[in-house]
Amino acid sequence: KYSLRLPYWKELDLYHSSWNPRDLQIAEERYSRFCGVSALSDQLPKWTNVYKPLIGIARIATCKSVLLIIRAVLFYSVFTDRSSESRAPEGVLIAALHLLSLGLDICFQESRSCDPSSHHDDIPLLVFATEEFGVEMHNGSGQETLLSLMVSLMRMHREQNAECFTEGGNFNL
């Protein structure tokens, strides 16, 4: 019987769009059994250095346009009428959260870099995370930020899945 070796389990991308829900569930269970950790908290994307001419690619994940898309996905995940299906399906939400995680990792790597060309005065992701935008709801209007949407989403999922809640990166908010 063939069994995948442990180092190769780390290369398995459980969040690739080609997985169907049934196979994904089986793969997540096997990953958890063989690696001893949940794939949800262990498979956060990490930025690796690229060749110098391609360094600008890192700016894609941290640019304002991508962050607006991520914010929209988070918004529709948090502010959805409970009687209807979410306008941001779980697969889209996971992809957005992974892209956000990748953007944060890029910011972290750039801040630790010794290369002065990789440092920027303002990192769009960090500036945009606290930028307020208006939200009109049934009970009035309010102000939200990307950061407040992430906290609201985390609280929603913690309440819904209290017994099986795990936080990626061992963060405790």
C-alpha atoms as a PDB file:
ATOM      1  CA  LYS A   1       0.000   0.000   0.000  1.00  0.00           C
ATOM      2  CA  TYR A   2       1.366   3.419  -0.979  1.00  0.00           C
ATOM      3  CA  SER A   3       1.612   6.150   1.638  1.00  0.00           C
ATOM      4  CA  LEU A   4       2.814   9.680   0.998  1.00  0.00           C
ATOM      5  CA  ARG A   5       5.962  10.526   2.956  1.00  0.00           C
ATOM      6  CA  LEU A   6       5.652  13.180   5.636  1.00  0.00           C
ATOM      7  CA  PRO A   7       7.783  15.872   3.891  1.00  0.00           C
ATOM      8  CA  TYR A   8       5.516  15.691   0.837  1.00  0.00           C
ATOM      9  CA  TRP A   9       2.370  16.270   2.875  1.00  0.00           C
ATOM     10  CA  LYS A  10       3.653  19.810   3.463  1.00  0.00           C
ATOM     11  CA  GLU A  11       3.635  20.399  -0.314  1.00  0.00           C
ATOM     12  CA  LEU A  12       0.003  19.353  -0.699  1.00  0.00           C
ATOM     13  CA  ASP A  13      -2.150  22.402  -1.485  1.00  0.00           C
ATOM     14  CA  LEU A  14      -5.509  21.648   0.074  1.00  0.00           C
ATOM     15  CA  TYR A  15      -6.945  24.978  -1.015  1.00  0.00           C
ATOM     16  CA  HIS A  16      -6.358  24.680  -4.737  1.00  0.00           C
ATOM     17  CA  SER A  17      -9.568  25.391  -6.621  1.00  0.00           C
ATOM     18  CA  SER A  18      -9.670  21.986  -8.335  1.00  0.00           C
ATOM     19  CA  TRP A  19     -10.658  20.073  -5.176  1.00  0.00           C
ATOM     20  CA  ASN A  20     -14.274  18.985  -4.998  1.00  0.00           C
ATOM     21  CA  PRO A  21     -15.821  19.106  -1.495  1.00  0.00           C
ATOM     22  CA  ARG A  22     -15.837  15.336  -0.922  1.00  0.00           C
ATOM     23  CA  ASP A  23     -12.197  14.802  -1.938  1.00  0.00           C
ATOM     24  CA  LEU A  24     -11.153  17.901   0.004  1.00  0.00           C
ATOM     25  CA  GLN A  25     -12.755  16.544   3.174  1.00  0.00           C
ATOM     26  CA  ILE A  26     -10.923  13.217   2.760  1.00  0.00           C
ATOM     27  CA  ALA A  27      -7.616  14.990   2.050  1.00  0.00           C
ATOM     28  CA  GLU A  28      -8.018  17.265   5.105  1.00  0.00           C
ATOM     29  CA  GLU A  29      -8.687  14.252   7.341  1.00  0.00           C
ATOM     30  CA  ARG A  30      -5.645  12.405   5.993  1.00  0.00           C
ATOM     31  CA  TYR A  31      -3.484  15.509   6.343  1.00  0.00           C
ATOM     32  CA  SER A  32      -4.558  15.859   9.960  1.00  0.00           C
ATOM     33  CA  ARG A  33      -3.929  12.174  10.670  1.00  0.00           C
ATOM     34  CA  PHE A  34      -0.453  12.033   9.074  1.00  0.00           C
ATOM     35  CA  CYS A  35       0.832  15.486  10.075  1.00  0.00           C
ATOM     36  CA  GLY A  36      -0.797  15.675  13.495  1.00  0.00           C
ATOM     37  CA  VAL A  37      -2.160  19.217  12.960  1.00  0.00           C
ATOM     38  CA  SER A  38      -5.172  20.769  11.306  1.00  0.00           C
ATOM     39  CA  ALA A  39      -4.611  21.833   7.703  1.00  0.00           C
ATOM     40  CA  LEU A  40      -6.636  24.997   8.379  1.00  0.00           C
ATOM     41  CA  SER A  41      -3.992  26.337  10.743  1.00  0.00           C
ATOM     42  CA  ASP A  42      -0.930  24.695   9.194  1.00  0.00           C
ATOM     43  CA  GLN A  43      -1.388  25.517   5.525  1.00  0.00           C
ATOM     44  CA  LEU A  44      -1.130  29.289   5.588  1.00  0.00           C
ATOM     45  CA  PRO A  45       0.662  30.580   2.487  1.00  0.00           C
ATOM     46  CA  LYS A  46       4.236  31.788   2.917  1.00  0.00           C
ATOM     47  CA  TRP A  47       6.126  34.187   0.687  1.00  0.00           C
ATOM     48  CA  THR A  48       9.421  32.984  -0.744  1.00  0.00           C
ATOM     49  CA  ASN A  49      11.971  35.272  -2.306  1.00  0.00           C
ATOM     50  CA  VAL A  50      11.860  35.453  -6.073  1.00  0.00           C
ATOM     51  CA  TYR A  51      14.419  36.468  -8.675  1.00  0.00           C
ATOM     52  CA  LYS A  52      15.271  40.177  -8.554  1.00  0.00           C
ATOM     53  CA  PRO A  53      13.500  41.127 -11.833  1.00  0.00           C
ATOM     54  CA  LEU A  54      10.248  39.615 -10.510  1.00  0.00           C
ATOM     55  CA  ILE A  55      10.278  41.315  -7.100  1.00  0.00           C
ATOM     56  CA  GLY A  56       7.378  43.566  -8.135  1.00  0.00           C
ATOM     57  CA  ILE A  57       5.068  40.546  -8.073  1.00  0.00           C
ATOM     58  CA  ALA A  58       4.977  40.855  -4.292  1.00  0.00           C
ATOM     59  CA  ARG A  59       3.212  44.203  -4.635  1.00  0.00           C
ATOM     60  CA  ILE A  60       0.196  42.520  -6.249  1.00  0.00           C
ATOM     61  CA  ALA A  61      -0.879  40.821  -3.017  1.00  0.00           C
ATOM     62  CA  THR A  62      -0.485  44.064  -1.057  1.00  0.00           C
ATOM     63  CA  CYS A  63      -1.972  46.550  -3.555  1.00  0.00           C
ATOM     64  CA  LYS A  64      -5.175  48.436  -2.808  1.00  0.00           C
ATOM     65  CA  SER A  65      -7.193  46.789  -5.624  1.00  0.00           C
ATOM     66  CA  VAL A  66      -6.613  43.298  -4.241  1.00  0.00           C
ATOM     67  CA  LEU A  67      -7.321  44.544  -0.723  1.00  0.00           C
ATOM     68  CA  LEU A  68     -10.641  46.031  -1.902  1.00  0.00           C
ATOM     69  CA  ILE A  69     -11.617  42.608  -3.241  1.00  0.00           C
ATOM     70  CA  ILE A  70     -10.614  40.953   0.046  1.00  0.00           C
ATOM     71  CA  ARG A  71     -12.571  43.576   2.001  1.00  0.00           C
ATOM     72  CA  ALA A  72     -15.656  42.979  -0.172  1.00  0.00           C
ATOM     73  CA  VAL A  73     -15.467  39.222   0.414  1.00  0.00           C
ATOM     74  CA  LEU A  74     -15.123  39.735   4.173  1.00  0.00           C
ATOM     75  CA  PHE A  75     -17.968  42.260   4.154  1.00  0.00           C
ATOM     76  CA  TYR A  76     -20.351  39.890   2.368  1.00  0.00           C
ATOM     77  CA  SER A  77     -19.327  37.076   4.700  1.00  0.00           C
ATOM     78  CA  VAL A  78     -20.049  39.142   7.808  1.00  0.00           C
ATOM     79  CA  PHE A  79     -23.068  41.192   6.687  1.00  0.00           C
ATOM     80  CA  THR A  80     -25.278  38.613   5.036  1.00  0.00           C
ATOM     81  CA  ASP A  81     -28.921  38.108   5.823  1.00  0.00           C
ATOM     82  CA  ARG A  82     -28.957  34.836   7.774  1.00  0.00           C
ATOM     83  CA  SER A  83     -32.079  33.622   5.941  1.00  0.00           C
ATOM     84  CA  SER A  84     -30.296  33.678   2.596  1.00  0.00           C
ATOM     85  CA  GLU A  85     -27.156  31.962   1.436  1.00  0.00           C
ATOM     86  CA  SER A  86     -23.934  33.951   1.806  1.00  0.00           C
ATOM     87  CA  ARG A  87     -22.911  36.083  -1.146  1.00  0.00           C
ATOM     88  CA  ALA A  88     -19.335  35.056  -0.336  1.00  0.00           C
ATOM     89  CA  PRO A  89     -19.165  31.236  -0.452  1.00  0.00           C
ATOM     90  CA  GLU A  90     -16.755  29.485   1.907  1.00  0.00           C
ATOM     91  CA  GLY A  91     -14.285  28.661  -0.888  1.00  0.00           C
ATOM     92  CA  VAL A  92     -14.085  32.333  -1.886  1.00  0.00           C
ATOM     93  CA  LEU A  93     -13.700  33.367   1.745  1.00  0.00           C
ATOM     94  CA  ILE A  94     -10.859  30.887   2.314  1.00  0.00           C
ATOM     95  CA  ALA A  95      -9.082  32.080  -0.842  1.00  0.00           C
ATOM     96  CA  ALA A  96      -9.443  35.713   0.292  1.00  0.00           C
ATOM     97  CA  LEU A  97      -8.132  34.927   3.775  1.00  0.00           C
ATOM     98  CA  HIS A  98      -5.175  33.048   2.327  1.00  0.00           C
ATOM     99  CA  LEU A  99      -4.403  35.952  -0.001  1.00  0.00           C
ATOM    100  CA  LEU A 100      -4.549  38.289   2.988  1.00  0.00           C
ATOM    101  CA  SER A 101      -2.246  35.956   4.924  1.00  0.00           C
ATOM    102  CA  LEU A 102       0.173  35.950   1.998  1.00  0.00           C
ATOM    103  CA  GLY A 103       0.069  39.756   1.875  1.00  0.00           C
ATOM    104  CA  LEU A 104       0.857  39.965   5.588  1.00  0.00           C
ATOM    105  CA  ASP A 105       3.729  37.522   5.160  1.00  0.00           C
ATOM    106  CA  ILE A 106       5.088  39.650   2.291  1.00  0.00           C
ATOM    107  CA  CYS A 107       4.941  42.750   4.523  1.00  0.00           C
ATOM    108  CA  PHE A 108       6.730  40.852   7.292  1.00  0.00           C
ATOM    109  CA  GLN A 109       9.441  39.568   4.916  1.00  0.00           C
ATOM    110  CA  GLU A 110       9.971  43.052   3.443  1.00  0.00           C
ATOM    111  CA  SER A 111      10.289  44.605   6.894  1.00  0.00           C
ATOM    112  CA  ARG A 112      13.018  42.080   7.776  1.00  0.00           C
ATOM    113  CA  SER A 113      14.817  42.426   4.447  1.00  0.00           C
ATOM    114  CA  CYS A 114      18.255  43.996   4.253  1.00  0.00           C
ATOM    115  CA  ASP A 115      17.551  45.114   0.677  1.00  0.00           C
ATOM    116  CA  PRO A 116      16.705  48.859   0.712  1.00  0.00           C
ATOM    117  CA  SER A 117      14.880  48.587  -2.641  1.00  0.00           C
ATOM    118  CA  SER A 118      12.255  46.331  -1.050  1.00  0.00           C
ATOM    119  CA  HIS A 119      11.322  48.870   1.636  1.00  0.00           C
ATOM    120  CA  HIS A 120       8.480  51.275   0.938  1.00  0.00           C
ATOM    121  CA  ASP A 121       7.366  54.286   2.962  1.00  0.00           C
ATOM    122  CA  ASP A 122       3.792  53.065   3.201  1.00  0.00           C
ATOM    123  CA  ILE A 123       2.771  49.449   2.973  1.00  0.00           C
ATOM    124  CA  PRO A 124      -0.709  49.615   1.390  1.00  0.00           C
ATOM    125  CA  LEU A 125      -1.985  46.583   3.283  1.00  0.00           C
ATOM    126  CA  LEU A 126      -1.165  48.057   6.676  1.00  0.00           C
ATOM    127  CA  VAL A 127      -2.506  51.508   5.793  1.00  0.00           C
ATOM    128  CA  PHE A 128      -5.679  50.089   4.241  1.00  0.00           C
ATOM    129  CA  ALA A 129      -6.418  47.727   7.158  1.00  0.00           C
ATOM    130  CA  THR A 130      -7.546  50.651   9.322  1.00  0.00           C
ATOM    131  CA  GLU A 131      -9.178  52.796   6.620  1.00  0.00           C
ATOM    132  CA  GLU A 132     -12.838  53.273   7.522  1.00  0.00           C
ATOM    133  CA  PHE A 133     -15.695  52.871   5.069  1.00  0.00           C
ATOM    134  CA  GLY A 134     -19.408  53.454   5.529  1.00  0.00           C
ATOM    135  CA  VAL A 135     -21.789  50.546   5.993  1.00  0.00           C
ATOM    136  CA  GLU A 136     -25.543  50.940   5.633  1.00  0.00           C
ATOM    137  CA  MET A 137     -27.486  48.336   7.576  1.00  0.00           C
ATOM    138  CA  HIS A 138     -31.107  47.744   8.570  1.00  0.00           C
ATOM    139  CA  ASN A 139     -30.525  49.398  11.943  1.00  0.00           C
ATOM    140  CA  GLY A 140     -28.676  52.446  10.614  1.00  0.00           C
ATOM    141  CA  SER A 141     -25.203  52.993   9.301  1.00  0.00           C
ATOM    142  CA  GLY A 142     -21.775  52.581  10.759  1.00  0.00           C
ATOM    143  CA  GLN A 143     -18.091  52.544  10.045  1.00  0.00           C
ATOM    144  CA  GLU A 144     -16.043  49.418   9.433  1.00  0.00           C
ATOM    145  CA  THR A 145     -12.424  48.653   8.571  1.00  0.00           C
ATOM    146  CA  LEU A 146     -10.731  45.616   7.090  1.00  0.00           C
ATOM    147  CA  LEU A 147      -9.439  44.836  10.561  1.00  0.00           C
ATOM    148  CA  SER A 148     -12.878  45.135  12.196  1.00  0.00           C
ATOM    149  CA  LEU A 149     -14.358  42.849   9.510  1.00  0.00           C
ATOM    150  CA  MET A 150     -11.709  40.211  10.254  1.00  0.00           C
ATOM    151  CA  VAL A 151     -12.449  40.393  13.986  1.00  0.00           C
ATOM    152  CA  SER A 152     -16.213  40.154  13.345  1.00  0.00           C
ATOM    153  CA  LEU A 153     -15.703  37.176  11.058  1.00  0.00           C
ATOM    154  CA  MET A 154     -13.525  35.445  13.630  1.00  0.00           C
ATOM    155  CA  ARG A 155     -16.125  36.011  16.347  1.00  0.00           C
ATOM    156  CA  MET A 156     -18.898  34.664  14.108  1.00  0.00           C
ATOM    157  CA  HIS A 157     -16.954  31.501  13.374  1.00  0.00           C
ATOM    158  CA  ARG A 158     -15.956  31.099  17.009  1.00  0.00           C
ATOM    159  CA  GLU A 159     -19.620  31.262  18.067  1.00  0.00           C
ATOM    160  CA  GLN A 160     -20.748  28.869  15.329  1.00  0.00           C
ATOM    161  CA  ASN A 161     -17.956  26.346  15.893  1.00  0.00           C
ATOM    162  CA  ALA A 162     -17.132  26.775  19.570  1.00  0.00           C
ATOM    163  CA  GLU A 163     -16.101  23.156  20.075  1.00  0.00           C
ATOM    164  CA  CYS A 164     -13.756  22.888  17.080  1.00  0.00           C
ATOM    165  CA  PHE A 165     -12.372  26.419  16.726  1.00  0.00           C
ATOM    166  CA  THR A 166      -8.674  26.657  15.884  1.00  0.00           C
ATOM    167  CA  GLU A 167      -6.779  29.821  15.188  1.00  0.00           C
ATOM    168  CA  GLY A 168      -4.053  29.826  12.555  1.00  0.00           C
ATOM    169  CA  GLY A 169      -0.655  30.894  13.781  1.00  0.00           C
ATOM    170  CA  ASN A 170      -1.664  30.430  17.439  1.00  0.00           C
ATOM    171  CA  PHE A 171      -3.097  33.952  17.691  1.00  0.00           C
ATOM    172  CA  ASN A 172      -5.455  34.737  20.518  1.00  0.00           C
ATOM    173  CA  LEU A 173      -7.658  37.755  20.045  1.00  0.00           C
END
